[in-house]
Amino acid sequence: GAIVADVGEPMDKFVYVLEGEVELV
């Protein structure tokens, strides 16, 4: 349930998923 990146935030990091899942909301 934690927000990894919110709308309007700059893409200033490359995020690679090791475990789990990130969903688009």
mmCIF file of all heavy atoms, coordinates in Angstrom:
data_MODEL
# 
_entry.id   MODEL 
# 
loop_
_atom_site.group_PDB 
_atom_site.id 
_atom_site.type_symbol 
_atom_site.label_atom_id 
_atom_site.label_alt_id 
_atom_site.label_comp_id 
_atom_site.label_asym_id 
_atom_site.label_entity_id 
_atom_site.label_seq_id 
_atom_site.pdbx_PDB_ins_code 
_atom_site.Cartn_x 
_atom_site.Cartn_y 
_atom_site.Cartn_z 
_atom_site.occupancy 
_atom_site.B_iso_or_equiv 
_atom_site.pdbx_formal_charge 
_atom_site.auth_seq_id 
_atom_site.auth_comp_id 
_atom_site.auth_asym_id 
_atom_site.auth_atom_id 
_atom_site.pdbx_PDB_model_num 
ATOM 1   N N   . GLY A 1 1  ? 0.793  -1.228  0.000   1.00 0.00 ? 1  GLY A N   1 
ATOM 2   C CA  . GLY A 1 1  ? 0.000  0.000   0.000   1.00 0.00 ? 1  GLY A CA  1 
ATOM 3   C C   . GLY A 1 1  ? 0.821  1.271   0.000   1.00 0.00 ? 1  GLY A C   1 
ATOM 4   O O   . GLY A 1 1  ? 0.267  2.370   -0.161  1.00 0.00 ? 1  GLY A O   1 
ATOM 5   N N   . ALA A 1 2  ? 2.137  1.165   0.144   1.00 0.00 ? 2  ALA A N   1 
ATOM 6   C CA  . ALA A 1 2  ? 2.991  2.361   0.162   1.00 0.00 ? 2  ALA A CA  1 
ATOM 7   C C   . ALA A 1 2  ? 3.156  2.907   -1.261  1.00 0.00 ? 2  ALA A C   1 
ATOM 8   O O   . ALA A 1 2  ? 3.287  2.154   -2.227  1.00 0.00 ? 2  ALA A O   1 
ATOM 9   C CB  . ALA A 1 2  ? 4.360  2.029   0.753   1.00 0.00 ? 2  ALA A CB  1 
ATOM 10  N N   . ILE A 1 3  ? 3.148  4.236   -1.393  1.00 0.00 ? 3  ILE A N   1 
ATOM 11  C CA  . ILE A 1 3  ? 3.359  4.881   -2.683  1.00 0.00 ? 3  ILE A CA  1 
ATOM 12  C C   . ILE A 1 3  ? 4.854  4.903   -2.997  1.00 0.00 ? 3  ILE A C   1 
ATOM 13  O O   . ILE A 1 3  ? 5.649  5.448   -2.225  1.00 0.00 ? 3  ILE A O   1 
ATOM 14  C CB  . ILE A 1 3  ? 2.789  6.314   -2.683  1.00 0.00 ? 3  ILE A CB  1 
ATOM 15  C CG1 . ILE A 1 3  ? 1.265  6.284   -2.505  1.00 0.00 ? 3  ILE A CG1 1 
ATOM 16  C CG2 . ILE A 1 3  ? 3.159  7.036   -3.973  1.00 0.00 ? 3  ILE A CG2 1 
ATOM 17  C CD1 . ILE A 1 3  ? 0.525  5.608   -3.648  1.00 0.00 ? 3  ILE A CD1 1 
ATOM 18  N N   . VAL A 1 4  ? 5.220  4.310   -4.097  1.00 0.00 ? 4  VAL A N   1 
ATOM 19  C CA  . VAL A 1 4  ? 6.619  4.295   -4.526  1.00 0.00 ? 4  VAL A CA  1 
ATOM 20  C C   . VAL A 1 4  ? 6.948  5.576   -5.295  1.00 0.00 ? 4  VAL A C   1 
ATOM 21  O O   . VAL A 1 4  ? 8.034  6.136   -5.155  1.00 0.00 ? 4  VAL A O   1 
ATOM 22  C CB  . VAL A 1 4  ? 6.895  3.047   -5.391  1.00 0.00 ? 4  VAL A CB  1 
ATOM 23  C CG1 . VAL A 1 4  ? 8.367  3.015   -5.823  1.00 0.00 ? 4  VAL A CG1 1 
ATOM 24  C CG2 . VAL A 1 4  ? 6.536  1.778   -4.628  1.00 0.00 ? 4  VAL A CG2 1 
ATOM 25  N N   . ALA A 1 5  ? 6.000  6.042   -6.101  1.00 0.00 ? 5  ALA A N   1 
ATOM 26  C CA  . ALA A 1 5  ? 6.159  7.309   -6.825  1.00 0.00 ? 5  ALA A CA  1 
ATOM 27  C C   . ALA A 1 5  ? 4.768  7.867   -7.090  1.00 0.00 ? 5  ALA A C   1 
ATOM 28  O O   . ALA A 1 5  ? 3.865  7.125   -7.477  1.00 0.00 ? 5  ALA A O   1 
ATOM 29  C CB  . ALA A 1 5  ? 6.904  7.101   -8.138  1.00 0.00 ? 5  ALA A CB  1 
ATOM 30  N N   . ASP A 1 6  ? 4.593  9.164   -6.882  1.00 0.00 ? 6  ASP A N   1 
ATOM 31  C CA  . ASP A 1 6  ? 3.279  9.774   -7.048  1.00 0.00 ? 6  ASP A CA  1 
ATOM 32  C C   . ASP A 1 6  ? 3.221  10.587  -8.340  1.00 0.00 ? 6  ASP A C   1 
ATOM 33  O O   . ASP A 1 6  ? 4.256  10.937  -8.928  1.00 0.00 ? 6  ASP A O   1 
ATOM 34  C CB  . ASP A 1 6  ? 2.963  10.675  -5.848  1.00 0.00 ? 6  ASP A CB  1 
ATOM 35  C CG  . ASP A 1 6  ? 1.467  10.744  -5.575  1.00 0.00 ? 6  ASP A CG  1 
ATOM 36  O OD1 . ASP A 1 6  ? 0.678  10.297  -6.432  1.00 0.00 ? 6  ASP A OD1 1 
ATOM 37  O OD2 . ASP A 1 6  ? 1.089  11.234  -4.498  1.00 0.00 ? 6  ASP A OD2 1 
ATOM 38  N N   . VAL A 1 7  ? 2.007  10.907  -8.750  1.00 0.00 ? 7  VAL A N   1 
ATOM 39  C CA  . VAL A 1 7  ? 1.814  11.724  -9.950  1.00 0.00 ? 7  VAL A CA  1 
ATOM 40  C C   . VAL A 1 7  ? 2.521  13.073  -9.780  1.00 0.00 ? 7  VAL A C   1 
ATOM 41  O O   . VAL A 1 7  ? 2.424  13.707  -8.734  1.00 0.00 ? 7  VAL A O   1 
ATOM 42  C CB  . VAL A 1 7  ? 0.316  11.959  -10.216 1.00 0.00 ? 7  VAL A CB  1 
ATOM 43  C CG1 . VAL A 1 7  ? 0.121  12.955  -11.353 1.00 0.00 ? 7  VAL A CG1 1 
ATOM 44  C CG2 . VAL A 1 7  ? -0.371 10.657  -10.548 1.00 0.00 ? 7  VAL A CG2 1 
ATOM 45  N N   . GLY A 1 8  ? 3.236  13.476  -10.821 1.00 0.00 ? 8  GLY A N   1 
ATOM 46  C CA  . GLY A 1 8  ? 3.919  14.764  -10.795 1.00 0.00 ? 8  GLY A CA  1 
ATOM 47  C C   . GLY A 1 8  ? 5.323  14.721  -10.250 1.00 0.00 ? 8  GLY A C   1 
ATOM 48  O O   . GLY A 1 8  ? 6.086  15.674  -10.435 1.00 0.00 ? 8  GLY A O   1 
ATOM 49  N N   . GLU A 1 9  ? 5.693  13.632  -9.577  1.00 0.00 ? 9  GLU A N   1 
ATOM 50  C CA  . GLU A 1 9  ? 7.069  13.524  -9.073  1.00 0.00 ? 9  GLU A CA  1 
ATOM 51  C C   . GLU A 1 9  ? 8.015  13.272  -10.240 1.00 0.00 ? 9  GLU A C   1 
ATOM 52  O O   . GLU A 1 9  ? 7.695  12.528  -11.171 1.00 0.00 ? 9  GLU A O   1 
ATOM 53  C CB  . GLU A 1 9  ? 7.184  12.385  -8.058  1.00 0.00 ? 9  GLU A CB  1 
ATOM 54  C CG  . GLU A 1 9  ? 6.496  12.650  -6.745  1.00 0.00 ? 9  GLU A CG  1 
ATOM 55  C CD  . GLU A 1 9  ? 6.716  11.527  -5.738  1.00 0.00 ? 9  GLU A CD  1 
ATOM 56  O OE1 . GLU A 1 9  ? 7.401  10.539  -6.095  1.00 0.00 ? 9  GLU A OE1 1 
ATOM 57  O OE2 . GLU A 1 9  ? 6.209  11.638  -4.613  1.00 0.00 ? 9  GLU A OE2 1 
ATOM 58  N N   . PRO A 1 10 ? 9.191  13.882  -10.215 1.00 0.00 ? 10 PRO A N   1 
ATOM 59  C CA  . PRO A 1 10 ? 10.143 13.657  -11.314 1.00 0.00 ? 10 PRO A CA  1 
ATOM 60  C C   . PRO A 1 10 ? 10.703 12.239  -11.273 1.00 0.00 ? 10 PRO A C   1 
ATOM 61  O O   . PRO A 1 10 ? 10.863 11.646  -10.209 1.00 0.00 ? 10 PRO A O   1 
ATOM 62  C CB  . PRO A 1 10 ? 11.239 14.692  -11.045 1.00 0.00 ? 10 PRO A CB  1 
ATOM 63  C CG  . PRO A 1 10 ? 11.170 14.949  -9.578  1.00 0.00 ? 10 PRO A CG  1 
ATOM 64  C CD  . PRO A 1 10 ? 9.717  14.822  -9.203  1.00 0.00 ? 10 PRO A CD  1 
ATOM 65  N N   . MET A 1 11 ? 10.994 11.721  -12.447 1.00 0.00 ? 11 MET A N   1 
ATOM 66  C CA  . MET A 1 11 ? 11.632 10.405  -12.530 1.00 0.00 ? 11 MET A CA  1 
ATOM 67  C C   . MET A 1 11 ? 13.131 10.586  -12.318 1.00 0.00 ? 11 MET A C   1 
ATOM 68  O O   . MET A 1 11 ? 13.924 10.534  -13.255 1.00 0.00 ? 11 MET A O   1 
ATOM 69  C CB  . MET A 1 11 ? 11.347 9.761   -13.892 1.00 0.00 ? 11 MET A CB  1 
ATOM 70  C CG  . MET A 1 11 ? 9.894  9.429   -14.124 1.00 0.00 ? 11 MET A CG  1 
ATOM 71  S SD  . MET A 1 11 ? 9.656  8.518   -15.667 1.00 0.00 ? 11 MET A SD  1 
ATOM 72  C CE  . MET A 1 11 ? 7.864  8.552   -15.787 1.00 0.00 ? 11 MET A CE  1 
ATOM 73  N N   . ASP A 1 12 ? 13.507 10.812  -11.083 1.00 0.00 ? 12 ASP A N   1 
ATOM 74  C CA  . ASP A 1 12 ? 14.913 11.075  -10.777 1.00 0.00 ? 12 ASP A CA  1 
ATOM 75  C C   . ASP A 1 12 ? 15.645 9.849   -10.249 1.00 0.00 ? 12 ASP A C   1 
ATOM 76  O O   . ASP A 1 12 ? 16.794 9.939   -9.847  1.00 0.00 ? 12 ASP A O   1 
ATOM 77  C CB  . ASP A 1 12 ? 15.034 12.225  -9.774  1.00 0.00 ? 12 ASP A CB  1 
ATOM 78  C CG  . ASP A 1 12 ? 14.224 11.981  -8.508  1.00 0.00 ? 12 ASP A CG  1 
ATOM 79  O OD1 . ASP A 1 12 ? 13.641 10.878  -8.368  1.00 0.00 ? 12 ASP A OD1 1 
ATOM 80  O OD2 . ASP A 1 12 ? 14.158 12.896  -7.667  1.00 0.00 ? 12 ASP A OD2 1 
ATOM 81  N N   . LYS A 1 13 ? 14.967 8.679   -10.261 1.00 0.00 ? 13 LYS A N   1 
ATOM 82  C CA  . LYS A 1 13 ? 15.592 7.435   -9.831  1.00 0.00 ? 13 LYS A CA  1 
ATOM 83  C C   . LYS A 1 13 ? 15.200 6.309   -10.776 1.00 0.00 ? 13 LYS A C   1 
ATOM 84  O O   . LYS A 1 13 ? 14.077 6.268   -11.277 1.00 0.00 ? 13 LYS A O   1 
ATOM 85  C CB  . LYS A 1 13 ? 15.153 7.066   -8.409  1.00 0.00 ? 13 LYS A CB  1 
ATOM 86  C CG  . LYS A 1 13 ? 15.620 8.026   -7.339  1.00 0.00 ? 13 LYS A CG  1 
ATOM 87  C CD  . LYS A 1 13 ? 15.062 7.627   -5.983  1.00 0.00 ? 13 LYS A CD  1 
ATOM 88  C CE  . LYS A 1 13 ? 13.538 7.795   -5.956  1.00 0.00 ? 13 LYS A CE  1 
ATOM 89  N NZ  . LYS A 1 13 ? 12.983 7.532   -4.602  1.00 0.00 ? 13 LYS A NZ  1 
ATOM 90  N N   . PHE A 1 14 ? 16.139 5.404   -11.015 1.00 0.00 ? 14 PHE A N   1 
ATOM 91  C CA  . PHE A 1 14 ? 15.842 4.173   -11.739 1.00 0.00 ? 14 PHE A CA  1 
ATOM 92  C C   . PHE A 1 14 ? 15.483 3.121   -10.702 1.00 0.00 ? 14 PHE A C   1 
ATOM 93  O O   . PHE A 1 14 ? 16.302 2.802   -9.832  1.00 0.00 ? 14 PHE A O   1 
ATOM 94  C CB  . PHE A 1 14 ? 17.050 3.725   -12.565 1.00 0.00 ? 14 PHE A CB  1 
ATOM 95  C CG  . PHE A 1 14 ? 16.813 2.456   -13.352 1.00 0.00 ? 14 PHE A CG  1 
ATOM 96  C CD1 . PHE A 1 14 ? 16.173 2.493   -14.575 1.00 0.00 ? 14 PHE A CD1 1 
ATOM 97  C CD2 . PHE A 1 14 ? 17.244 1.233   -12.852 1.00 0.00 ? 14 PHE A CD2 1 
ATOM 98  C CE1 . PHE A 1 14 ? 15.957 1.325   -15.303 1.00 0.00 ? 14 PHE A CE1 1 
ATOM 99  C CE2 . PHE A 1 14 ? 17.036 0.058   -13.564 1.00 0.00 ? 14 PHE A CE2 1 
ATOM 100 C CZ  . PHE A 1 14 ? 16.389 0.109   -14.802 1.00 0.00 ? 14 PHE A CZ  1 
ATOM 101 N N   . VAL A 1 15 ? 14.261 2.600   -10.768 1.00 0.00 ? 15 VAL A N   1 
ATOM 102 C CA  . VAL A 1 15 ? 13.752 1.693   -9.731  1.00 0.00 ? 15 VAL A CA  1 
ATOM 103 C C   . VAL A 1 15 ? 13.601 0.289   -10.311 1.00 0.00 ? 15 VAL A C   1 
ATOM 104 O O   . VAL A 1 15 ? 12.776 0.054   -11.200 1.00 0.00 ? 15 VAL A O   1 
ATOM 105 C CB  . VAL A 1 15 ? 12.400 2.191   -9.183  1.00 0.00 ? 15 VAL A CB  1 
ATOM 106 C CG1 . VAL A 1 15 ? 11.911 1.248   -8.086  1.00 0.00 ? 15 VAL A CG1 1 
ATOM 107 C CG2 . VAL A 1 15 ? 12.536 3.609   -8.646  1.00 0.00 ? 15 VAL A CG2 1 
ATOM 108 N N   . TYR A 1 16 ? 14.402 -0.639  -9.790  1.00 0.00 ? 16 TYR A N   1 
ATOM 109 C CA  . TYR A 1 16 ? 14.383 -2.044  -10.203 1.00 0.00 ? 16 TYR A CA  1 
ATOM 110 C C   . TYR A 1 16 ? 13.759 -2.870  -9.079  1.00 0.00 ? 16 TYR A C   1 
ATOM 111 O O   . TYR A 1 16 ? 14.152 -2.740  -7.912  1.00 0.00 ? 16 TYR A O   1 
ATOM 112 C CB  . TYR A 1 16 ? 15.799 -2.521  -10.488 1.00 0.00 ? 16 TYR A CB  1 
ATOM 113 C CG  . TYR A 1 16 ? 15.922 -3.964  -10.918 1.00 0.00 ? 16 TYR A CG  1 
ATOM 114 C CD1 . TYR A 1 16 ? 15.840 -4.319  -12.262 1.00 0.00 ? 16 TYR A CD1 1 
ATOM 115 C CD2 . TYR A 1 16 ? 16.125 -4.978  -9.983  1.00 0.00 ? 16 TYR A CD2 1 
ATOM 116 C CE1 . TYR A 1 16 ? 15.957 -5.638  -12.669 1.00 0.00 ? 16 TYR A CE1 1 
ATOM 117 C CE2 . TYR A 1 16 ? 16.243 -6.309  -10.377 1.00 0.00 ? 16 TYR A CE2 1 
ATOM 118 C CZ  . TYR A 1 16 ? 16.158 -6.630  -11.722 1.00 0.00 ? 16 TYR A CZ  1 
ATOM 119 O OH  . TYR A 1 16 ? 16.264 -7.941  -12.114 1.00 0.00 ? 16 TYR A OH  1 
ATOM 120 N N   . VAL A 1 17 ? 12.804 -3.720  -9.392  1.00 0.00 ? 17 VAL A N   1 
ATOM 121 C CA  . VAL A 1 17 ? 12.091 -4.501  -8.382  1.00 0.00 ? 17 VAL A CA  1 
ATOM 122 C C   . VAL A 1 17 ? 12.823 -5.825  -8.147  1.00 0.00 ? 17 VAL A C   1 
ATOM 123 O O   . VAL A 1 17 ? 12.957 -6.643  -9.063  1.00 0.00 ? 17 VAL A O   1 
ATOM 124 C CB  . VAL A 1 17 ? 10.631 -4.759  -8.806  1.00 0.00 ? 17 VAL A CB  1 
ATOM 125 C CG1 . VAL A 1 17 ? 9.916  -5.607  -7.753  1.00 0.00 ? 17 VAL A CG1 1 
ATOM 126 C CG2 . VAL A 1 17 ? 9.901  -3.428  -9.015  1.00 0.00 ? 17 VAL A CG2 1 
ATOM 127 N N   . LEU A 1 18 ? 13.283 -6.022  -6.918  1.00 0.00 ? 18 LEU A N   1 
ATOM 128 C CA  . LEU A 1 18 ? 13.937 -7.273  -6.535  1.00 0.00 ? 18 LEU A CA  1 
ATOM 129 C C   . LEU A 1 18 ? 12.928 -8.311  -6.078  1.00 0.00 ? 18 LEU A C   1 
ATOM 130 O O   . LEU A 1 18 ? 12.998 -9.490  -6.467  1.00 0.00 ? 18 LEU A O   1 
ATOM 131 C CB  . LEU A 1 18 ? 14.949 -7.013  -5.415  1.00 0.00 ? 18 LEU A CB  1 
ATOM 132 C CG  . LEU A 1 18 ? 16.168 -6.153  -5.780  1.00 0.00 ? 18 LEU A CG  1 
ATOM 133 C CD1 . LEU A 1 18 ? 16.909 -5.743  -4.521  1.00 0.00 ? 18 LEU A CD1 1 
ATOM 134 C CD2 . LEU A 1 18 ? 17.087 -6.920  -6.731  1.00 0.00 ? 18 LEU A CD2 1 
ATOM 135 N N   . GLU A 1 19 ? 11.982 -7.886  -5.243  1.00 0.00 ? 19 GLU A N   1 
ATOM 136 C CA  . GLU A 1 19 ? 10.932 -8.782  -4.735  1.00 0.00 ? 19 GLU A CA  1 
ATOM 137 C C   . GLU A 1 19 ? 9.643  -7.988  -4.621  1.00 0.00 ? 19 GLU A C   1 
ATOM 138 O O   . GLU A 1 19 ? 9.662  -6.775  -4.364  1.00 0.00 ? 19 GLU A O   1 
ATOM 139 C CB  . GLU A 1 19 ? 11.294 -9.339  -3.350  1.00 0.00 ? 19 GLU A CB  1 
ATOM 140 C CG  . GLU A 1 19 ? 12.499 -10.265 -3.331  1.00 0.00 ? 19 GLU A CG  1 
ATOM 141 C CD  . GLU A 1 19 ? 12.823 -10.697 -1.901  1.00 0.00 ? 19 GLU A CD  1 
ATOM 142 O OE1 . GLU A 1 19 ? 12.200 -10.157 -0.959  1.00 0.00 ? 19 GLU A OE1 1 
ATOM 143 O OE2 . GLU A 1 19 ? 13.702 -11.556 -1.737  1.00 0.00 ? 19 GLU A OE2 1 
ATOM 144 N N   . GLY A 1 20 ? 8.509  -8.683  -4.790  1.00 0.00 ? 20 GLY A N   1 
ATOM 145 C CA  . GLY A 1 20 ? 7.226  -8.029  -4.633  1.00 0.00 ? 20 GLY A CA  1 
ATOM 146 C C   . GLY A 1 20 ? 6.662  -7.530  -5.953  1.00 0.00 ? 20 GLY A C   1 
ATOM 147 O O   . GLY A 1 20 ? 6.996  -8.052  -7.028  1.00 0.00 ? 20 GLY A O   1 
ATOM 148 N N   . GLU A 1 21 ? 5.845  -6.478  -5.878  1.00 0.00 ? 21 GLU A N   1 
ATOM 149 C CA  . GLU A 1 21 ? 5.213  -5.955  -7.087  1.00 0.00 ? 21 GLU A CA  1 
ATOM 150 C C   . GLU A 1 21 ? 4.827  -4.493  -6.882  1.00 0.00 ? 21 GLU A C   1 
ATOM 151 O O   . GLU A 1 21 ? 4.398  -4.092  -5.801  1.00 0.00 ? 21 GLU A O   1 
ATOM 152 C CB  . GLU A 1 21 ? 3.959  -6.759  -7.437  1.00 0.00 ? 21 GLU A CB  1 
ATOM 153 C CG  . GLU A 1 21 ? 3.304  -6.309  -8.731  1.00 0.00 ? 21 GLU A CG  1 
ATOM 154 C CD  . GLU A 1 21 ? 1.890  -6.838  -8.892  1.00 0.00 ? 21 GLU A CD  1 
ATOM 155 O OE1 . GLU A 1 21 ? 1.069  -6.624  -7.975  1.00 0.00 ? 21 GLU A OE1 1 
ATOM 156 O OE2 . GLU A 1 21 ? 1.604  -7.452  -9.932  1.00 0.00 ? 21 GLU A OE2 1 
ATOM 157 N N   . VAL A 1 22 ? 4.978  -3.700  -7.949  1.00 0.00 ? 22 VAL A N   1 
ATOM 158 C CA  . VAL A 1 22 ? 4.513  -2.319  -7.971  1.00 0.00 ? 22 VAL A CA  1 
ATOM 159 C C   . VAL A 1 22 ? 3.378  -2.227  -8.982  1.00 0.00 ? 22 VAL A C   1 
ATOM 160 O O   . VAL A 1 22 ? 3.517  -2.679  -10.124 1.00 0.00 ? 22 VAL A O   1 
ATOM 161 C CB  . VAL A 1 22 ? 5.650  -1.348  -8.351  1.00 0.00 ? 22 VAL A CB  1 
ATOM 162 C CG1 . VAL A 1 22 ? 5.125  0.078   -8.471  1.00 0.00 ? 22 VAL A CG1 1 
ATOM 163 C CG2 . VAL A 1 22 ? 6.774  -1.420  -7.322  1.00 0.00 ? 22 VAL A CG2 1 
ATOM 164 N N   . GLU A 1 23 ? 2.245  -1.663  -8.551  1.00 0.00 ? 23 GLU A N   1 
ATOM 165 C CA  . GLU A 1 23 ? 1.085  -1.556  -9.438  1.00 0.00 ? 23 GLU A CA  1 
ATOM 166 C C   . GLU A 1 23 ? 0.842  -0.110  -9.840  1.00 0.00 ? 23 GLU A C   1 
ATOM 167 O O   . GLU A 1 23 ? 1.186  0.826   -9.104  1.00 0.00 ? 23 GLU A O   1 
ATOM 168 C CB  . GLU A 1 23 ? -0.161 -2.109  -8.744  1.00 0.00 ? 23 GLU A CB  1 
ATOM 169 C CG  . GLU A 1 23 ? -0.539 -1.369  -7.474  1.00 0.00 ? 23 GLU A CG  1 
ATOM 170 C CD  . GLU A 1 23 ? -1.727 -1.987  -6.753  1.00 0.00 ? 23 GLU A CD  1 
ATOM 171 O OE1 . GLU A 1 23 ? -2.317 -2.944  -7.290  1.00 0.00 ? 23 GLU A OE1 1 
ATOM 172 O OE2 . GLU A 1 23 ? -2.059 -1.519  -5.650  1.00 0.00 ? 23 GLU A OE2 1 
ATOM 173 N N   . LEU A 1 24 ? 0.264  0.077   -11.030 1.00 0.00 ? 24 LEU A N   1 
ATOM 174 C CA  . LEU A 1 24 ? -0.155 1.389   -11.482 1.00 0.00 ? 24 LEU A CA  1 
ATOM 175 C C   . LEU A 1 24 ? -1.554 1.653   -10.953 1.00 0.00 ? 24 LEU A C   1 
ATOM 176 O O   . LEU A 1 24 ? -2.414 0.772   -10.979 1.00 0.00 ? 24 LEU A O   1 
ATOM 177 C CB  . LEU A 1 24 ? -0.135 1.479   -13.008 1.00 0.00 ? 24 LEU A CB  1 
ATOM 178 C CG  . LEU A 1 24 ? 1.236  1.743   -13.641 1.00 0.00 ? 24 LEU A CG  1 
ATOM 179 C CD1 . LEU A 1 24 ? 2.108  0.489   -13.587 1.00 0.00 ? 24 LEU A CD1 1 
ATOM 180 C CD2 . LEU A 1 24 ? 1.079  2.194   -15.094 1.00 0.00 ? 24 LEU A CD2 1 
ATOM 181 N N   . VAL A 1 25 ? -1.789 2.884   -10.493 1.00 0.00 ? 25 VAL A N   1 
ATOM 182 C CA  . VAL A 1 25 ? -3.023 3.202   -9.773  1.00 0.00 ? 25 VAL A CA  1 
ATOM 183 C C   . VAL A 1 25 ? -3.803 4.279   -10.511 1.00 0.00 ? 25 VAL A C   1 
ATOM 184 O O   . VAL A 1 25 ? -3.214 5.250   -11.022 1.00 0.00 ? 25 VAL A O   1 
ATOM 185 C CB  . VAL A 1 25 ? -2.700 3.676   -8.333  1.00 0.00 ? 25 VAL A CB  1 
ATOM 186 C CG1 . VAL A 1 25 ? -3.972 4.008   -7.569  1.00 0.00 ? 25 VAL A CG1 1 
ATOM 187 C CG2 . VAL A 1 25 ? -1.879 2.624   -7.607  1.00 0.00 ? 25 VAL A CG2 1 
# 
